[in-house]
Amino acid sequence: MSRFCKIENPICLRCGHPSTNTVVTCSSCRVEEFNLNQSRACYKYSEPLESVIKQYKYSGLHALAEPLGNLMAQNWPGWASIPDMIVPIPLHIRRLRSRGFNQAQLLAHQLGAAVGIEVNDQVLRRERRTRPQVDLSPSERRKNVHQAFSAELGVVTGKRILLIDDVYTTGATLNSAAGTLLKAGADTVSAYCLARAVH
């Protein structure tokens, strides 16, 4: 695991993408709607971690949730708003039945236990079965997850929420989920992922 490529400073202070300047947000954050207060990831989505994540998700190796979640705890970043609640990105019920487990949910529970923060994996729901994001363009990804989520009103009111997912690619899924939680009354929503694509 020491061979995984860590994301090092400087990074965009908002989305966490590697940057040449930590004083300002990156060009994408300045021109696009961004519902996340902060977004951080531990490692670049590159080999050998990319293969490990694919084995975890698609080969049923859910036992990897423990070491991968512990890596997220060990790389716990400094947050502008300390989270009150951890919420994993949900899968649609059909995909959950097909895969057998939600990789983000397992990571969230491992992380939550390690850092001592409540995990709520019921408050956010995926209402629409969306296409897999992997082969979609950034604009297609945003359209694909538009209004894909719903949140239980009252549960997140006034709380600082931390969304958990395995991989941050364009941020479209996380951004859509964050918008839903903000409309449900969350104070702030940030995101934390094991890995992120670096362009």
N, C-alpha and C. Protein backbone atom coordinates (compact mmCIF):
# COMPACT_ATOMS: atom_id res chain seq x y z
N MET A 1 0.81 -1.21 0.00
CA MET A 1 0.00 0.00 0.00
C MET A 1 0.84 1.26 0.00
N SER A 2 2.11 1.12 0.36
CA SER A 2 3.00 2.27 0.29
C SER A 2 3.26 2.68 -1.15
N ARG A 3 2.89 1.80 -2.10
CA ARG A 3 3.10 2.11 -3.51
C ARG A 3 1.98 2.98 -4.07
N PHE A 4 0.92 3.18 -3.32
CA PHE A 4 -0.16 4.05 -3.77
C PHE A 4 0.35 5.49 -3.84
N CYS A 5 -0.10 6.21 -4.85
CA CYS A 5 0.39 7.58 -5.09
C CYS A 5 -0.47 8.59 -4.33
N LYS A 6 0.09 9.14 -3.26
CA LYS A 6 -0.66 10.09 -2.45
C LYS A 6 -0.85 11.41 -3.17
N ILE A 7 -1.98 12.05 -2.88
CA ILE A 7 -2.22 13.41 -3.37
C ILE A 7 -1.58 14.37 -2.39
N GLU A 8 -0.62 15.11 -2.87
CA GLU A 8 0.15 16.00 -2.01
C GLU A 8 -0.21 17.46 -2.29
N ASN A 9 0.03 18.33 -1.31
CA ASN A 9 -0.09 19.76 -1.52
C ASN A 9 0.94 20.23 -2.53
N PRO A 10 0.65 21.31 -3.29
CA PRO A 10 -0.55 22.15 -3.18
C PRO A 10 -1.74 21.56 -3.92
N ILE A 11 -2.93 21.81 -3.35
CA ILE A 11 -4.18 21.38 -3.97
C ILE A 11 -5.15 22.55 -3.96
N CYS A 12 -6.18 22.48 -4.80
CA CYS A 12 -7.26 23.44 -4.74
C CYS A 12 -7.91 23.33 -3.37
N LEU A 13 -8.09 24.46 -2.71
CA LEU A 13 -8.59 24.44 -1.34
C LEU A 13 -10.05 24.00 -1.26
N ARG A 14 -10.73 23.98 -2.40
CA ARG A 14 -12.13 23.56 -2.38
C ARG A 14 -12.32 22.12 -2.86
N CYS A 15 -11.90 21.83 -4.09
CA CYS A 15 -12.18 20.50 -4.64
C CYS A 15 -11.07 19.50 -4.37
N GLY A 16 -9.89 19.97 -3.96
CA GLY A 16 -8.81 19.07 -3.61
C GLY A 16 -7.97 18.57 -4.77
N HIS A 17 -8.23 19.08 -5.98
CA HIS A 17 -7.43 18.67 -7.13
C HIS A 17 -6.03 19.28 -7.02
N PRO A 18 -4.99 18.51 -7.36
CA PRO A 18 -3.63 19.09 -7.34
C PRO A 18 -3.58 20.39 -8.11
N SER A 19 -2.91 21.37 -7.52
CA SER A 19 -2.89 22.72 -8.07
C SER A 19 -1.48 23.30 -7.94
N THR A 20 -1.29 24.44 -8.55
CA THR A 20 -0.02 25.14 -8.40
C THR A 20 -0.13 26.26 -7.37
N ASN A 21 -1.34 26.45 -6.82
CA ASN A 21 -1.56 27.57 -5.92
C ASN A 21 -2.66 27.22 -4.93
N THR A 22 -2.40 27.27 -3.64
CA THR A 22 -3.42 26.94 -2.63
C THR A 22 -4.18 28.16 -2.16
N VAL A 23 -3.88 29.33 -2.68
CA VAL A 23 -4.55 30.54 -2.22
C VAL A 23 -5.93 30.66 -2.85
N VAL A 24 -6.06 30.27 -4.11
CA VAL A 24 -7.32 30.41 -4.82
C VAL A 24 -7.85 29.04 -5.22
N THR A 25 -9.14 29.00 -5.51
CA THR A 25 -9.72 27.77 -6.01
C THR A 25 -9.35 27.58 -7.48
N CYS A 26 -9.46 26.35 -7.94
CA CYS A 26 -9.08 26.05 -9.32
C CYS A 26 -10.11 26.62 -10.29
N SER A 27 -9.77 26.61 -11.57
CA SER A 27 -10.63 27.21 -12.58
C SER A 27 -11.99 26.52 -12.66
N SER A 28 -12.03 25.21 -12.46
CA SER A 28 -13.32 24.49 -12.51
C SER A 28 -14.25 24.94 -11.39
N CYS A 29 -13.71 25.11 -10.19
CA CYS A 29 -14.53 25.53 -9.05
C CYS A 29 -15.06 26.95 -9.23
N ARG A 30 -14.31 27.77 -9.97
CA ARG A 30 -14.74 29.15 -10.16
C ARG A 30 -15.86 29.29 -11.18
N VAL A 31 -16.00 28.33 -12.09
CA VAL A 31 -16.98 28.50 -13.17
C VAL A 31 -18.15 27.53 -13.08
N GLU A 32 -18.05 26.47 -12.27
CA GLU A 32 -19.11 25.48 -12.18
C GLU A 32 -19.81 25.56 -10.83
N GLU A 33 -21.10 25.19 -10.82
CA GLU A 33 -21.83 25.10 -9.57
C GLU A 33 -21.21 23.99 -8.72
N PHE A 34 -20.85 24.33 -7.49
CA PHE A 34 -20.14 23.38 -6.65
C PHE A 34 -20.80 23.40 -5.28
N ASN A 35 -21.53 22.34 -4.97
CA ASN A 35 -22.29 22.28 -3.72
C ASN A 35 -21.45 21.84 -2.53
N LEU A 36 -20.26 21.33 -2.80
CA LEU A 36 -19.41 20.81 -1.73
C LEU A 36 -18.59 21.92 -1.09
N ASN A 37 -18.59 21.94 0.23
CA ASN A 37 -17.78 22.91 0.95
C ASN A 37 -16.29 22.61 0.77
N GLN A 38 -15.94 21.34 0.84
CA GLN A 38 -14.59 20.86 0.60
C GLN A 38 -14.66 19.45 0.03
N SER A 39 -13.66 19.08 -0.72
CA SER A 39 -13.55 17.70 -1.18
C SER A 39 -12.08 17.29 -1.07
N ARG A 40 -11.86 16.10 -0.53
CA ARG A 40 -10.50 15.59 -0.37
C ARG A 40 -10.45 14.11 -0.74
N ALA A 41 -9.30 13.65 -1.17
CA ALA A 41 -9.07 12.24 -1.46
C ALA A 41 -7.66 11.88 -1.02
N CYS A 42 -7.48 10.60 -0.70
CA CYS A 42 -6.18 10.16 -0.20
C CYS A 42 -5.15 9.99 -1.30
N TYR A 43 -5.55 9.32 -2.39
CA TYR A 43 -4.59 8.89 -3.41
C TYR A 43 -5.08 9.20 -4.81
N LYS A 44 -4.15 9.25 -5.74
CA LYS A 44 -4.51 9.35 -7.14
C LYS A 44 -5.08 8.01 -7.62
N TYR A 45 -6.07 8.10 -8.47
CA TYR A 45 -6.69 6.89 -9.02
C TYR A 45 -5.79 6.37 -10.15
N SER A 46 -4.80 5.63 -9.76
CA SER A 46 -3.80 5.11 -10.69
C SER A 46 -3.35 3.75 -10.16
N GLU A 47 -2.61 3.03 -10.98
CA GLU A 47 -2.12 1.72 -10.54
C GLU A 47 -1.04 1.87 -9.45
N PRO A 48 -1.03 0.94 -8.48
CA PRO A 48 -1.83 -0.29 -8.39
C PRO A 48 -3.17 -0.14 -7.68
N LEU A 49 -3.46 1.07 -7.14
CA LEU A 49 -4.71 1.24 -6.38
C LEU A 49 -5.93 1.04 -7.26
N GLU A 50 -5.85 1.47 -8.52
CA GLU A 50 -7.00 1.32 -9.42
C GLU A 50 -7.45 -0.14 -9.50
N SER A 51 -6.50 -1.05 -9.64
CA SER A 51 -6.84 -2.48 -9.71
C SER A 51 -7.40 -2.99 -8.38
N VAL A 52 -6.87 -2.49 -7.27
CA VAL A 52 -7.36 -2.90 -5.96
C VAL A 52 -8.82 -2.48 -5.80
N ILE A 53 -9.13 -1.24 -6.18
CA ILE A 53 -10.51 -0.76 -6.06
C ILE A 53 -11.45 -1.55 -6.96
N LYS A 54 -11.02 -1.88 -8.16
CA LYS A 54 -11.87 -2.65 -9.07
C LYS A 54 -12.11 -4.05 -8.52
N GLN A 55 -11.09 -4.66 -7.91
CA GLN A 55 -11.28 -5.97 -7.28
C GLN A 55 -12.26 -5.85 -6.12
N TYR A 56 -12.12 -4.80 -5.33
CA TYR A 56 -13.00 -4.56 -4.19
C TYR A 56 -14.46 -4.45 -4.64
N LYS A 57 -14.70 -3.66 -5.69
CA LYS A 57 -16.07 -3.38 -6.12
C LYS A 57 -16.67 -4.51 -6.96
N TYR A 58 -15.91 -5.04 -7.88
CA TYR A 58 -16.49 -5.91 -8.90
C TYR A 58 -16.19 -7.39 -8.73
N SER A 59 -15.26 -7.73 -7.84
CA SER A 59 -14.93 -9.14 -7.62
C SER A 59 -15.40 -9.64 -6.26
N GLY A 60 -16.19 -8.82 -5.59
CA GLY A 60 -16.77 -9.25 -4.32
C GLY A 60 -15.80 -9.32 -3.17
N LEU A 61 -14.67 -8.63 -3.28
CA LEU A 61 -13.68 -8.68 -2.20
C LEU A 61 -13.98 -7.61 -1.15
N HIS A 62 -15.17 -7.71 -0.53
CA HIS A 62 -15.57 -6.66 0.40
C HIS A 62 -14.75 -6.67 1.68
N ALA A 63 -13.95 -7.71 1.91
CA ALA A 63 -13.05 -7.70 3.06
C ALA A 63 -12.01 -6.59 2.94
N LEU A 64 -11.80 -6.09 1.72
CA LEU A 64 -10.85 -4.98 1.52
C LEU A 64 -11.34 -3.69 2.14
N ALA A 65 -12.62 -3.63 2.52
CA ALA A 65 -13.15 -2.40 3.13
C ALA A 65 -12.39 -2.04 4.40
N GLU A 66 -11.97 -3.04 5.16
CA GLU A 66 -11.28 -2.75 6.42
C GLU A 66 -9.93 -2.06 6.19
N PRO A 67 -9.00 -2.63 5.39
CA PRO A 67 -7.73 -1.93 5.20
C PRO A 67 -7.89 -0.62 4.42
N LEU A 68 -8.80 -0.58 3.46
CA LEU A 68 -8.98 0.65 2.68
C LEU A 68 -9.61 1.75 3.53
N GLY A 69 -10.58 1.38 4.36
CA GLY A 69 -11.17 2.36 5.27
C GLY A 69 -10.17 2.86 6.29
N ASN A 70 -9.29 1.97 6.74
CA ASN A 70 -8.25 2.39 7.68
C ASN A 70 -7.26 3.35 7.04
N LEU A 71 -6.99 3.15 5.75
CA LEU A 71 -6.13 4.10 5.03
C LEU A 71 -6.77 5.48 4.99
N MET A 72 -8.08 5.53 4.80
CA MET A 72 -8.77 6.82 4.80
C MET A 72 -8.67 7.47 6.17
N ALA A 73 -8.76 6.67 7.23
CA ALA A 73 -8.62 7.21 8.59
C ALA A 73 -7.20 7.72 8.84
N GLN A 74 -6.21 6.98 8.37
CA GLN A 74 -4.82 7.39 8.56
C GLN A 74 -4.48 8.67 7.81
N ASN A 75 -5.18 8.92 6.70
CA ASN A 75 -4.94 10.11 5.90
C ASN A 75 -5.98 11.20 6.16
N TRP A 76 -6.68 11.12 7.28
CA TRP A 76 -7.75 12.05 7.64
C TRP A 76 -7.28 13.50 7.50
N PRO A 77 -7.93 14.28 6.63
CA PRO A 77 -7.47 15.65 6.39
C PRO A 77 -8.01 16.64 7.42
N GLY A 78 -7.51 17.85 7.36
CA GLY A 78 -8.07 18.93 8.16
C GLY A 78 -9.29 19.49 7.44
N TRP A 79 -10.41 19.60 8.15
CA TRP A 79 -11.66 20.07 7.54
C TRP A 79 -11.97 21.49 7.99
N ALA A 80 -12.44 22.32 7.05
CA ALA A 80 -12.88 23.68 7.41
C ALA A 80 -14.06 23.61 8.36
N SER A 81 -14.93 22.60 8.14
CA SER A 81 -16.06 22.35 9.04
C SER A 81 -15.96 20.91 9.51
N ILE A 82 -15.68 20.69 10.79
CA ILE A 82 -15.53 19.34 11.31
C ILE A 82 -16.86 18.60 11.15
N PRO A 83 -16.88 17.43 10.52
CA PRO A 83 -18.14 16.74 10.25
C PRO A 83 -18.86 16.27 11.51
N ASP A 84 -20.20 16.39 11.47
CA ASP A 84 -21.05 15.83 12.52
C ASP A 84 -21.52 14.43 12.17
N MET A 85 -21.62 14.17 10.86
CA MET A 85 -22.21 12.91 10.40
C MET A 85 -21.56 12.48 9.09
N ILE A 86 -21.30 11.20 8.98
CA ILE A 86 -20.78 10.61 7.76
C ILE A 86 -21.92 9.93 7.01
N VAL A 87 -22.02 10.21 5.70
CA VAL A 87 -23.09 9.65 4.87
C VAL A 87 -22.46 9.04 3.62
N PRO A 88 -22.59 7.73 3.42
CA PRO A 88 -22.05 7.14 2.19
C PRO A 88 -22.94 7.41 0.99
N ILE A 89 -22.33 7.49 -0.19
CA ILE A 89 -23.11 7.59 -1.43
C ILE A 89 -23.86 6.27 -1.62
N PRO A 90 -25.19 6.33 -1.75
CA PRO A 90 -25.95 5.08 -1.88
C PRO A 90 -25.95 4.54 -3.30
N LEU A 91 -26.16 3.23 -3.40
CA LEU A 91 -26.42 2.59 -4.69
C LEU A 91 -27.93 2.46 -4.88
N HIS A 92 -28.36 2.42 -6.13
CA HIS A 92 -29.76 2.10 -6.40
C HIS A 92 -29.99 0.66 -5.96
N ILE A 93 -31.21 0.36 -5.52
CA ILE A 93 -31.51 -0.96 -4.96
C ILE A 93 -31.19 -2.08 -5.94
N ARG A 94 -31.40 -1.87 -7.24
CA ARG A 94 -31.11 -2.92 -8.21
C ARG A 94 -29.62 -3.19 -8.32
N ARG A 95 -28.82 -2.12 -8.30
CA ARG A 95 -27.37 -2.32 -8.37
C ARG A 95 -26.85 -2.92 -7.07
N LEU A 96 -27.45 -2.53 -5.95
CA LEU A 96 -27.05 -3.11 -4.67
C LEU A 96 -27.32 -4.61 -4.65
N ARG A 97 -28.46 -5.01 -5.16
CA ARG A 97 -28.78 -6.44 -5.21
C ARG A 97 -27.84 -7.18 -6.14
N SER A 98 -27.48 -6.56 -7.25
CA SER A 98 -26.58 -7.20 -8.21
C SER A 98 -25.17 -7.34 -7.65
N ARG A 99 -24.67 -6.28 -7.00
CA ARG A 99 -23.30 -6.30 -6.48
C ARG A 99 -23.21 -7.03 -5.15
N GLY A 100 -24.25 -6.92 -4.37
CA GLY A 100 -24.27 -7.61 -3.08
C GLY A 100 -23.85 -6.74 -1.91
N PHE A 101 -23.25 -5.60 -2.17
CA PHE A 101 -22.84 -4.68 -1.11
C PHE A 101 -22.57 -3.32 -1.72
N ASN A 102 -22.61 -2.30 -0.87
CA ASN A 102 -22.29 -0.94 -1.29
C ASN A 102 -20.89 -0.62 -0.79
N GLN A 103 -19.96 -0.45 -1.73
CA GLN A 103 -18.56 -0.25 -1.35
C GLN A 103 -18.36 1.02 -0.54
N ALA A 104 -19.12 2.08 -0.83
CA ALA A 104 -19.00 3.33 -0.08
C ALA A 104 -19.52 3.16 1.34
N GLN A 105 -20.59 2.39 1.50
CA GLN A 105 -21.16 2.15 2.82
C GLN A 105 -20.18 1.42 3.73
N LEU A 106 -19.51 0.40 3.21
CA LEU A 106 -18.55 -0.34 4.02
C LEU A 106 -17.37 0.55 4.40
N LEU A 107 -16.88 1.35 3.45
CA LEU A 107 -15.78 2.28 3.76
C LEU A 107 -16.21 3.28 4.83
N ALA A 108 -17.45 3.78 4.71
CA ALA A 108 -17.94 4.79 5.65
C ALA A 108 -17.99 4.24 7.07
N HIS A 109 -18.46 3.01 7.23
CA HIS A 109 -18.56 2.44 8.57
C HIS A 109 -17.17 2.16 9.16
N GLN A 110 -16.25 1.73 8.33
CA GLN A 110 -14.89 1.51 8.80
C GLN A 110 -14.25 2.82 9.22
N LEU A 111 -14.43 3.84 8.39
CA LEU A 111 -13.88 5.16 8.70
C LEU A 111 -14.53 5.77 9.93
N GLY A 112 -15.86 5.70 9.98
CA GLY A 112 -16.58 6.30 11.11
C GLY A 112 -16.15 5.72 12.44
N ALA A 113 -15.97 4.40 12.48
CA ALA A 113 -15.52 3.75 13.71
C ALA A 113 -14.12 4.21 14.09
N ALA A 114 -13.28 4.44 13.08
CA ALA A 114 -11.89 4.82 13.35
C ALA A 114 -11.76 6.26 13.84
N VAL A 115 -12.61 7.16 13.31
CA VAL A 115 -12.48 8.59 13.66
C VAL A 115 -13.53 9.05 14.66
N GLY A 116 -14.45 8.15 15.03
CA GLY A 116 -15.42 8.49 16.06
C GLY A 116 -16.52 9.42 15.62
N ILE A 117 -17.00 9.25 14.38
CA ILE A 117 -18.09 10.08 13.86
C ILE A 117 -19.25 9.17 13.46
N GLU A 118 -20.47 9.60 13.81
CA GLU A 118 -21.68 8.85 13.49
C GLU A 118 -21.81 8.63 11.98
N VAL A 119 -22.20 7.43 11.60
CA VAL A 119 -22.49 7.10 10.20
C VAL A 119 -23.99 6.89 10.05
N ASN A 120 -24.59 7.58 9.07
CA ASN A 120 -26.01 7.39 8.77
C ASN A 120 -26.10 6.96 7.30
N ASP A 121 -26.44 5.68 7.08
CA ASP A 121 -26.52 5.18 5.72
C ASP A 121 -27.97 5.02 5.25
N GLN A 122 -28.89 5.71 5.95
CA GLN A 122 -30.31 5.66 5.58
C GLN A 122 -30.86 6.99 5.11
N VAL A 123 -30.20 8.09 5.48
CA VAL A 123 -30.76 9.41 5.23
C VAL A 123 -30.75 9.79 3.75
N LEU A 124 -29.80 9.29 2.98
CA LEU A 124 -29.68 9.62 1.56
C LEU A 124 -30.04 8.39 0.74
N ARG A 125 -30.90 8.58 -0.25
CA ARG A 125 -31.35 7.48 -1.09
C ARG A 125 -31.15 7.82 -2.56
N ARG A 126 -30.84 6.81 -3.35
CA ARG A 126 -30.75 6.98 -4.81
C ARG A 126 -32.08 6.54 -5.40
N GLU A 127 -32.81 7.51 -5.94
CA GLU A 127 -34.16 7.26 -6.42
C GLU A 127 -34.19 6.73 -7.86
N ARG A 128 -33.24 7.16 -8.66
CA ARG A 128 -33.20 6.74 -10.07
C ARG A 128 -32.03 5.80 -10.30
N ARG A 129 -32.27 4.80 -11.13
CA ARG A 129 -31.17 3.92 -11.53
C ARG A 129 -30.41 4.61 -12.66
N THR A 130 -29.24 5.13 -12.35
CA THR A 130 -28.46 5.87 -13.33
C THR A 130 -27.51 4.95 -14.08
N ARG A 131 -27.08 5.41 -15.24
CA ARG A 131 -26.09 4.66 -16.00
C ARG A 131 -24.76 4.68 -15.26
N PRO A 132 -23.93 3.63 -15.40
CA PRO A 132 -22.58 3.69 -14.84
C PRO A 132 -21.84 4.91 -15.39
N GLN A 133 -21.14 5.62 -14.50
CA GLN A 133 -20.50 6.88 -14.88
C GLN A 133 -19.20 6.69 -15.66
N VAL A 134 -18.64 5.50 -15.63
CA VAL A 134 -17.26 5.29 -16.06
C VAL A 134 -17.00 5.71 -17.50
N ASP A 135 -17.96 5.50 -18.41
CA ASP A 135 -17.71 5.80 -19.81
C ASP A 135 -18.37 7.09 -20.28
N LEU A 136 -18.86 7.90 -19.35
CA LEU A 136 -19.57 9.12 -19.72
C LEU A 136 -18.64 10.33 -19.67
N SER A 137 -18.94 11.33 -20.50
CA SER A 137 -18.20 12.59 -20.48
C SER A 137 -18.62 13.37 -19.24
N PRO A 138 -17.86 14.42 -18.86
CA PRO A 138 -18.24 15.22 -17.69
C PRO A 138 -19.66 15.77 -17.78
N SER A 139 -20.08 16.29 -18.93
CA SER A 139 -21.43 16.83 -19.05
C SER A 139 -22.48 15.73 -18.97
N GLU A 140 -22.18 14.57 -19.53
CA GLU A 140 -23.10 13.43 -19.45
C GLU A 140 -23.22 12.94 -18.02
N ARG A 141 -22.12 12.96 -17.27
CA ARG A 141 -22.15 12.54 -15.87
C ARG A 141 -23.06 13.45 -15.06
N ARG A 142 -22.97 14.77 -15.27
CA ARG A 142 -23.81 15.70 -14.52
C ARG A 142 -25.28 15.46 -14.83
N LYS A 143 -25.60 15.27 -16.11
CA LYS A 143 -26.99 15.02 -16.51
C LYS A 143 -27.47 13.69 -15.96
N ASN A 144 -26.61 12.70 -15.95
CA ASN A 144 -26.96 11.35 -15.53
C ASN A 144 -27.41 11.31 -14.06
N VAL A 145 -26.76 12.11 -13.20
CA VAL A 145 -27.08 12.06 -11.76
C VAL A 145 -27.93 13.24 -11.30
N HIS A 146 -28.41 14.06 -12.25
CA HIS A 146 -29.26 15.19 -11.88
C HIS A 146 -30.55 14.68 -11.23
N GLN A 147 -30.82 15.16 -10.01
CA GLN A 147 -32.00 14.78 -9.25
C GLN A 147 -32.11 13.26 -9.07
N ALA A 148 -30.97 12.61 -8.93
CA ALA A 148 -30.96 11.16 -8.73
C ALA A 148 -31.16 10.77 -7.27
N PHE A 149 -31.03 11.75 -6.35
CA PHE A 149 -31.05 11.44 -4.92
C PHE A 149 -32.23 12.10 -4.22
N SER A 150 -32.58 11.54 -3.07
CA SER A 150 -33.52 12.19 -2.15
C SER A 150 -32.95 12.03 -0.75
N ALA A 151 -33.38 12.90 0.16
CA ALA A 151 -32.87 12.85 1.53
C ALA A 151 -34.02 13.00 2.50
N GLU A 152 -33.90 12.34 3.64
CA GLU A 152 -34.92 12.41 4.68
C GLU A 152 -34.86 13.77 5.37
N LEU A 153 -35.96 14.49 5.32
CA LEU A 153 -36.00 15.84 5.88
C LEU A 153 -35.88 15.78 7.41
N GLY A 154 -35.17 16.75 7.95
CA GLY A 154 -35.04 16.89 9.39
C GLY A 154 -33.83 16.20 9.98
N VAL A 155 -33.40 15.07 9.42
CA VAL A 155 -32.30 14.31 10.01
C VAL A 155 -30.98 15.05 9.89
N VAL A 156 -30.78 15.75 8.77
CA VAL A 156 -29.50 16.43 8.54
C VAL A 156 -29.57 17.93 8.84
N THR A 157 -30.71 18.42 9.30
CA THR A 157 -30.87 19.85 9.52
C THR A 157 -29.80 20.41 10.46
N GLY A 158 -29.08 21.42 9.97
CA GLY A 158 -28.06 22.08 10.77
C GLY A 158 -26.77 21.30 10.94
N LYS A 159 -26.66 20.14 10.32
CA LYS A 159 -25.48 19.29 10.51
C LYS A 159 -24.46 19.49 9.40
N ARG A 160 -23.20 19.25 9.77
CA ARG A 160 -22.10 19.28 8.82
C ARG A 160 -21.87 17.84 8.33
N ILE A 161 -22.19 17.59 7.08
CA ILE A 161 -22.20 16.25 6.54
C ILE A 161 -20.91 15.97 5.76
N LEU A 162 -20.40 14.75 5.91
CA LEU A 162 -19.26 14.30 5.12
C LEU A 162 -19.69 13.11 4.26
N LEU A 163 -19.75 13.32 2.95
CA LEU A 163 -20.08 12.26 2.02
C LEU A 163 -18.85 11.38 1.79
N ILE A 164 -19.09 10.07 1.67
CA ILE A 164 -18.00 9.13 1.43
C ILE A 164 -18.27 8.36 0.14
N ASP A 165 -17.25 8.25 -0.70
CA ASP A 165 -17.30 7.40 -1.88
C ASP A 165 -15.91 6.84 -2.12
N ASP A 166 -15.84 5.82 -2.98
CA ASP A 166 -14.53 5.22 -3.22
C ASP A 166 -13.67 6.04 -4.16
N VAL A 167 -14.28 6.55 -5.26
CA VAL A 167 -13.51 7.28 -6.26
C VAL A 167 -14.20 8.58 -6.64
N TYR A 168 -13.44 9.66 -6.67
CA TYR A 168 -13.88 10.96 -7.18
C TYR A 168 -13.35 11.07 -8.60
N THR A 169 -14.26 11.13 -9.57
CA THR A 169 -13.83 11.27 -10.96
C THR A 169 -14.01 12.71 -11.41
N THR A 170 -15.26 13.08 -11.74
CA THR A 170 -15.54 14.50 -12.04
C THR A 170 -16.21 15.20 -10.87
N GLY A 171 -16.67 14.44 -9.90
CA GLY A 171 -17.38 15.01 -8.76
C GLY A 171 -18.87 15.17 -8.99
N ALA A 172 -19.39 14.74 -10.15
CA ALA A 172 -20.79 14.95 -10.48
C ALA A 172 -21.73 14.25 -9.50
N THR A 173 -21.43 13.01 -9.15
CA THR A 173 -22.28 12.27 -8.22
C THR A 173 -22.26 12.91 -6.85
N LEU A 174 -21.09 13.23 -6.35
CA LEU A 174 -20.97 13.86 -5.04
C LEU A 174 -21.64 15.22 -5.01
N ASN A 175 -21.48 15.98 -6.07
CA ASN A 175 -22.06 17.32 -6.14
C ASN A 175 -23.59 17.25 -6.13
N SER A 176 -24.15 16.28 -6.88
CA SER A 176 -25.60 16.10 -6.90
C SER A 176 -26.12 15.69 -5.53
N ALA A 177 -25.44 14.74 -4.89
CA ALA A 177 -25.85 14.31 -3.56
C ALA A 177 -25.75 15.44 -2.55
N ALA A 178 -24.70 16.24 -2.66
CA ALA A 178 -24.53 17.38 -1.75
C ALA A 178 -25.66 18.38 -1.90
N GLY A 179 -26.06 18.66 -3.14
CA GLY A 179 -27.17 19.58 -3.37
C GLY A 179 -28.46 19.09 -2.72
N THR A 180 -28.70 17.79 -2.80
CA THR A 180 -29.89 17.20 -2.18
C THR A 180 -29.85 17.37 -0.67
N LEU A 181 -28.69 17.13 -0.06
CA LEU A 181 -28.56 17.25 1.40
C LEU A 181 -28.68 18.70 1.86
N LEU A 182 -28.16 19.63 1.08
CA LEU A 182 -28.30 21.05 1.43
C LEU A 182 -29.76 21.47 1.39
N LYS A 183 -30.50 20.99 0.39
CA LYS A 183 -31.92 21.32 0.31
C LYS A 183 -32.69 20.70 1.46
N ALA A 184 -32.18 19.58 2.01
CA ALA A 184 -32.82 18.93 3.15
C ALA A 184 -32.45 19.59 4.48
N GLY A 185 -31.60 20.62 4.43
CA GLY A 185 -31.30 21.38 5.64
C GLY A 185 -29.91 21.26 6.18
N ALA A 186 -29.02 20.50 5.52
CA ALA A 186 -27.64 20.38 6.01
C ALA A 186 -26.98 21.75 6.04
N ASP A 187 -26.14 21.97 7.04
CA ASP A 187 -25.40 23.23 7.14
C ASP A 187 -24.33 23.31 6.06
N THR A 188 -23.46 22.28 6.00
CA THR A 188 -22.45 22.17 4.95
C THR A 188 -22.34 20.71 4.56
N VAL A 189 -21.83 20.48 3.35
CA VAL A 189 -21.57 19.13 2.88
C VAL A 189 -20.18 19.10 2.26
N SER A 190 -19.34 18.22 2.77
CA SER A 190 -18.02 18.00 2.20
C SER A 190 -17.95 16.54 1.72
N ALA A 191 -16.85 16.18 1.07
CA ALA A 191 -16.72 14.83 0.54
C ALA A 191 -15.30 14.32 0.76
N TYR A 192 -15.22 13.02 1.00
CA TYR A 192 -13.94 12.36 1.22
C TYR A 192 -13.95 11.04 0.47
N CYS A 193 -12.93 10.83 -0.36
CA CYS A 193 -12.84 9.62 -1.19
C CYS A 193 -11.49 8.96 -0.99
N LEU A 194 -11.47 7.67 -1.23
CA LEU A 194 -10.22 6.94 -1.17
C LEU A 194 -9.27 7.41 -2.27
N ALA A 195 -9.80 7.62 -3.47
CA ALA A 195 -8.98 8.00 -4.62
C ALA A 195 -9.70 9.01 -5.48
N ARG A 196 -8.94 9.73 -6.30
CA ARG A 196 -9.57 10.61 -7.26
C ARG A 196 -8.77 10.62 -8.55
N ALA A 197 -9.51 10.79 -9.64
CA ALA A 197 -8.86 10.93 -10.95
C ALA A 197 -8.19 12.29 -11.00
N VAL A 198 -6.98 12.32 -11.47
CA VAL A 198 -6.22 13.56 -11.60
C VAL A 198 -5.98 13.81 -13.07
N HIS A 199 -6.49 14.95 -13.55
CA HIS A 199 -6.44 15.26 -14.98
C HIS A 199 -5.29 16.22 -15.27
